[in-house]
N, C-alpha and C. Protein backbone atom coordinates (compact mmCIF):
# COMPACT_ATOMS: atom_id res chain seq x y z
N MET A 1 11.34 3.61 -36.94
CA MET A 1 11.37 2.19 -37.18
C MET A 1 10.18 1.57 -36.47
N THR A 2 9.49 0.67 -37.15
CA THR A 2 8.34 0.00 -36.57
C THR A 2 8.59 -1.49 -36.51
N GLY A 3 7.77 -2.19 -35.75
CA GLY A 3 7.91 -3.63 -35.67
C GLY A 3 8.98 -4.04 -34.68
N GLN A 4 9.21 -5.33 -34.62
CA GLN A 4 10.16 -5.90 -33.68
C GLN A 4 11.46 -6.23 -34.39
N ALA A 5 12.58 -6.01 -33.73
CA ALA A 5 13.88 -6.33 -34.32
C ALA A 5 13.97 -7.83 -34.58
N LYS A 6 14.60 -8.20 -35.69
CA LYS A 6 14.74 -9.60 -36.06
C LYS A 6 16.21 -9.96 -36.16
N LYS A 7 16.54 -11.09 -35.60
CA LYS A 7 17.91 -11.59 -35.68
C LYS A 7 18.13 -12.16 -37.08
N VAL A 8 19.27 -11.81 -37.67
CA VAL A 8 19.62 -12.31 -39.00
C VAL A 8 21.03 -12.85 -38.99
N GLU A 9 21.38 -13.59 -40.01
CA GLU A 9 22.75 -14.05 -40.21
C GLU A 9 23.28 -13.36 -41.45
N ARG A 10 24.32 -12.59 -41.30
CA ARG A 10 24.92 -11.89 -42.44
C ARG A 10 26.17 -12.65 -42.89
N VAL A 11 26.42 -12.56 -44.20
CA VAL A 11 27.59 -13.21 -44.78
C VAL A 11 28.40 -12.18 -45.56
N GLN A 12 29.69 -12.41 -45.61
CA GLN A 12 30.58 -11.54 -46.38
C GLN A 12 30.45 -11.89 -47.85
N THR A 13 30.41 -10.88 -48.71
CA THR A 13 30.27 -11.13 -50.14
C THR A 13 31.20 -10.21 -50.92
N GLY A 14 31.58 -10.66 -52.06
CA GLY A 14 32.43 -9.85 -52.93
C GLY A 14 31.62 -9.32 -54.10
N VAL A 15 30.91 -8.23 -53.89
CA VAL A 15 30.07 -7.65 -54.93
C VAL A 15 30.84 -6.58 -55.67
N ARG A 16 30.77 -6.63 -57.00
CA ARG A 16 31.41 -5.60 -57.82
C ARG A 16 30.35 -4.60 -58.24
N LEU A 17 30.64 -3.31 -58.06
CA LEU A 17 29.72 -2.24 -58.42
C LEU A 17 30.45 -1.20 -59.26
N GLU A 18 29.69 -0.49 -60.06
CA GLU A 18 30.27 0.62 -60.82
C GLU A 18 30.80 1.65 -59.83
N LYS A 19 31.96 2.20 -60.14
CA LYS A 19 32.70 3.08 -59.23
C LYS A 19 31.86 4.25 -58.71
N HIS A 20 31.16 4.97 -59.58
CA HIS A 20 30.41 6.15 -59.16
C HIS A 20 29.17 5.76 -58.36
N VAL A 21 28.56 4.63 -58.71
CA VAL A 21 27.42 4.13 -57.93
C VAL A 21 27.87 3.86 -56.50
N LEU A 22 29.01 3.21 -56.36
CA LEU A 22 29.54 2.90 -55.03
C LEU A 22 29.85 4.17 -54.25
N GLN A 23 30.44 5.16 -54.90
CA GLN A 23 30.75 6.41 -54.21
C GLN A 23 29.49 7.08 -53.66
N VAL A 24 28.44 7.11 -54.47
CA VAL A 24 27.18 7.71 -54.03
C VAL A 24 26.58 6.90 -52.88
N LEU A 25 26.58 5.57 -53.00
CA LEU A 25 26.03 4.73 -51.93
C LEU A 25 26.79 4.91 -50.62
N LYS A 26 28.11 4.94 -50.69
CA LYS A 26 28.90 5.11 -49.47
C LYS A 26 28.64 6.47 -48.82
N ALA A 27 28.55 7.51 -49.64
CA ALA A 27 28.28 8.84 -49.11
C ALA A 27 26.88 8.91 -48.50
N LEU A 28 25.91 8.28 -49.14
CA LEU A 28 24.55 8.26 -48.63
C LEU A 28 24.47 7.49 -47.31
N ALA A 29 25.15 6.37 -47.23
CA ALA A 29 25.19 5.61 -45.99
C ALA A 29 25.81 6.44 -44.87
N ALA A 30 26.91 7.11 -45.16
CA ALA A 30 27.57 7.96 -44.17
C ALA A 30 26.65 9.09 -43.72
N LYS A 31 25.94 9.68 -44.66
CA LYS A 31 25.00 10.77 -44.35
C LYS A 31 23.93 10.31 -43.36
N HIS A 32 23.50 9.05 -43.50
CA HIS A 32 22.47 8.50 -42.61
C HIS A 32 23.06 7.80 -41.39
N GLY A 33 24.38 7.75 -41.30
CA GLY A 33 25.03 7.15 -40.14
C GLY A 33 24.85 5.64 -40.06
N ILE A 34 24.79 4.99 -41.23
CA ILE A 34 24.65 3.53 -41.26
C ILE A 34 25.73 2.95 -42.16
N GLY A 35 25.92 1.65 -42.08
CA GLY A 35 26.89 0.98 -42.91
C GLY A 35 26.37 0.78 -44.33
N LEU A 36 27.29 0.57 -45.25
CA LEU A 36 26.93 0.35 -46.64
C LEU A 36 26.03 -0.88 -46.79
N GLY A 37 26.35 -1.95 -46.08
CA GLY A 37 25.55 -3.16 -46.14
C GLY A 37 24.12 -2.92 -45.68
N ASP A 38 23.96 -2.16 -44.59
CA ASP A 38 22.63 -1.84 -44.09
C ASP A 38 21.83 -1.04 -45.12
N LEU A 39 22.49 -0.09 -45.78
CA LEU A 39 21.81 0.70 -46.81
C LEU A 39 21.35 -0.19 -47.96
N ILE A 40 22.24 -1.06 -48.44
CA ILE A 40 21.89 -1.95 -49.55
C ILE A 40 20.77 -2.90 -49.16
N GLU A 41 20.82 -3.44 -47.94
CA GLU A 41 19.73 -4.31 -47.48
C GLU A 41 18.39 -3.56 -47.51
N GLY A 42 18.40 -2.33 -47.02
CA GLY A 42 17.17 -1.55 -47.01
C GLY A 42 16.63 -1.28 -48.40
N ILE A 43 17.53 -0.94 -49.33
CA ILE A 43 17.12 -0.69 -50.71
C ILE A 43 16.49 -1.95 -51.31
N VAL A 44 17.16 -3.08 -51.12
CA VAL A 44 16.68 -4.34 -51.69
C VAL A 44 15.35 -4.75 -51.07
N LEU A 45 15.23 -4.69 -49.76
CA LEU A 45 13.98 -5.10 -49.11
C LEU A 45 12.81 -4.23 -49.55
N HIS A 46 13.03 -2.93 -49.67
CA HIS A 46 11.97 -2.06 -50.18
C HIS A 46 11.61 -2.44 -51.62
N SER A 47 12.64 -2.64 -52.45
CA SER A 47 12.41 -2.98 -53.86
C SER A 47 11.67 -4.29 -54.02
N PHE A 48 11.97 -5.28 -53.18
CA PHE A 48 11.29 -6.57 -53.26
C PHE A 48 9.79 -6.44 -53.03
N GLU A 49 9.38 -5.38 -52.31
CA GLU A 49 7.96 -5.16 -52.05
C GLU A 49 7.37 -4.07 -52.94
N GLY A 50 8.13 -3.63 -53.94
CA GLY A 50 7.64 -2.62 -54.86
C GLY A 50 7.53 -1.24 -54.23
N LYS A 51 8.27 -1.01 -53.15
CA LYS A 51 8.23 0.27 -52.45
C LYS A 51 9.48 1.08 -52.78
N SER A 52 9.33 2.39 -52.79
CA SER A 52 10.49 3.25 -52.98
C SER A 52 11.27 3.30 -51.66
N PRO A 53 12.57 3.06 -51.71
CA PRO A 53 13.36 3.08 -50.48
C PRO A 53 13.66 4.49 -49.98
N PHE A 54 13.40 5.52 -50.81
CA PHE A 54 13.79 6.88 -50.45
C PHE A 54 12.64 7.85 -50.57
N GLY A 55 12.57 8.77 -49.62
CA GLY A 55 11.60 9.85 -49.67
C GLY A 55 12.17 11.04 -50.42
N PRO A 56 11.36 12.09 -50.58
CA PRO A 56 11.79 13.27 -51.36
C PRO A 56 13.08 13.91 -50.85
N GLU A 57 13.25 14.01 -49.54
CA GLU A 57 14.46 14.65 -48.99
C GLU A 57 15.71 13.84 -49.34
N THR A 58 15.64 12.53 -49.20
CA THR A 58 16.79 11.68 -49.52
C THR A 58 17.05 11.68 -51.02
N LEU A 59 16.00 11.72 -51.84
CA LEU A 59 16.20 11.79 -53.29
C LEU A 59 16.93 13.07 -53.69
N GLU A 60 16.67 14.16 -52.99
CA GLU A 60 17.39 15.41 -53.25
C GLU A 60 18.87 15.26 -52.88
N ILE A 61 19.13 14.61 -51.76
CA ILE A 61 20.52 14.35 -51.36
C ILE A 61 21.21 13.49 -52.41
N ILE A 62 20.52 12.46 -52.89
CA ILE A 62 21.08 11.58 -53.92
C ILE A 62 21.39 12.38 -55.18
N ALA A 63 20.50 13.27 -55.58
CA ALA A 63 20.73 14.09 -56.77
C ALA A 63 22.00 14.92 -56.61
N GLN A 64 22.20 15.47 -55.44
CA GLN A 64 23.41 16.26 -55.17
C GLN A 64 24.65 15.38 -55.20
N LEU A 65 24.57 14.20 -54.59
CA LEU A 65 25.71 13.28 -54.58
C LEU A 65 26.03 12.78 -55.99
N ARG A 66 25.01 12.58 -56.81
CA ARG A 66 25.25 12.17 -58.20
C ARG A 66 26.08 13.21 -58.93
N LEU A 67 25.78 14.48 -58.71
CA LEU A 67 26.55 15.56 -59.34
C LEU A 67 27.98 15.59 -58.80
N ILE A 68 28.11 15.50 -57.50
CA ILE A 68 29.43 15.55 -56.86
C ILE A 68 30.34 14.44 -57.39
N TYR A 69 29.79 13.22 -57.49
CA TYR A 69 30.60 12.06 -57.88
C TYR A 69 30.53 11.72 -59.37
N GLY A 70 29.83 12.54 -60.14
CA GLY A 70 29.80 12.33 -61.58
C GLY A 70 29.02 11.09 -62.03
N LEU A 71 28.01 10.73 -61.28
CA LEU A 71 27.20 9.56 -61.64
C LEU A 71 26.12 9.98 -62.63
N ASP A 72 26.32 9.58 -63.89
CA ASP A 72 25.35 9.94 -64.92
C ASP A 72 24.55 8.74 -65.42
N LEU A 73 24.73 7.58 -64.82
CA LEU A 73 23.97 6.40 -65.20
C LEU A 73 22.54 6.51 -64.68
N THR A 74 21.61 5.92 -65.42
CA THR A 74 20.22 5.89 -65.00
C THR A 74 19.74 4.44 -65.00
N ALA A 75 18.50 4.23 -64.56
CA ALA A 75 17.92 2.89 -64.57
C ALA A 75 17.89 2.32 -65.98
N ASP A 76 17.73 3.17 -66.98
CA ASP A 76 17.72 2.70 -68.37
C ASP A 76 19.06 2.08 -68.78
N ASP A 77 20.12 2.47 -68.10
CA ASP A 77 21.45 1.95 -68.41
C ASP A 77 21.74 0.60 -67.73
N SER A 78 20.90 0.20 -66.80
CA SER A 78 21.23 -0.90 -65.88
C SER A 78 21.57 -2.22 -66.54
N HIS A 79 20.99 -2.57 -67.66
CA HIS A 79 21.29 -3.83 -68.30
C HIS A 79 22.13 -3.66 -69.55
N MET A 80 22.75 -2.48 -69.68
CA MET A 80 23.55 -2.21 -70.87
C MET A 80 24.96 -1.75 -70.50
N LEU A 81 25.42 -2.10 -69.34
CA LEU A 81 26.75 -1.70 -68.89
C LEU A 81 27.77 -2.75 -69.29
N TRP A 82 28.96 -2.31 -69.65
CA TRP A 82 30.04 -3.21 -69.97
C TRP A 82 31.34 -2.60 -69.48
N GLU A 83 32.36 -3.42 -69.36
CA GLU A 83 33.66 -2.91 -68.93
C GLU A 83 34.74 -3.53 -69.79
N GLU A 84 35.87 -2.86 -69.84
CA GLU A 84 36.99 -3.35 -70.65
C GLU A 84 37.70 -4.48 -69.95
């Protein structure tokens, strides 16, 4: 970690996520020893700057977790999801 720690104000939110996406995110957060919110913040902050939030080693872990939890959705599916 680089730079100086910054104080933030966090708020509770009720975000709905696809079940398998959530399972992979929770497992990835646990693997890194961080909370789900911290993981999501990191992903979003990297994405806002056009940076990849994950290196090759973490992408391999994600690929394994996708298989374990049956996550077959891709970025191409992101705006075409629906629920009953």
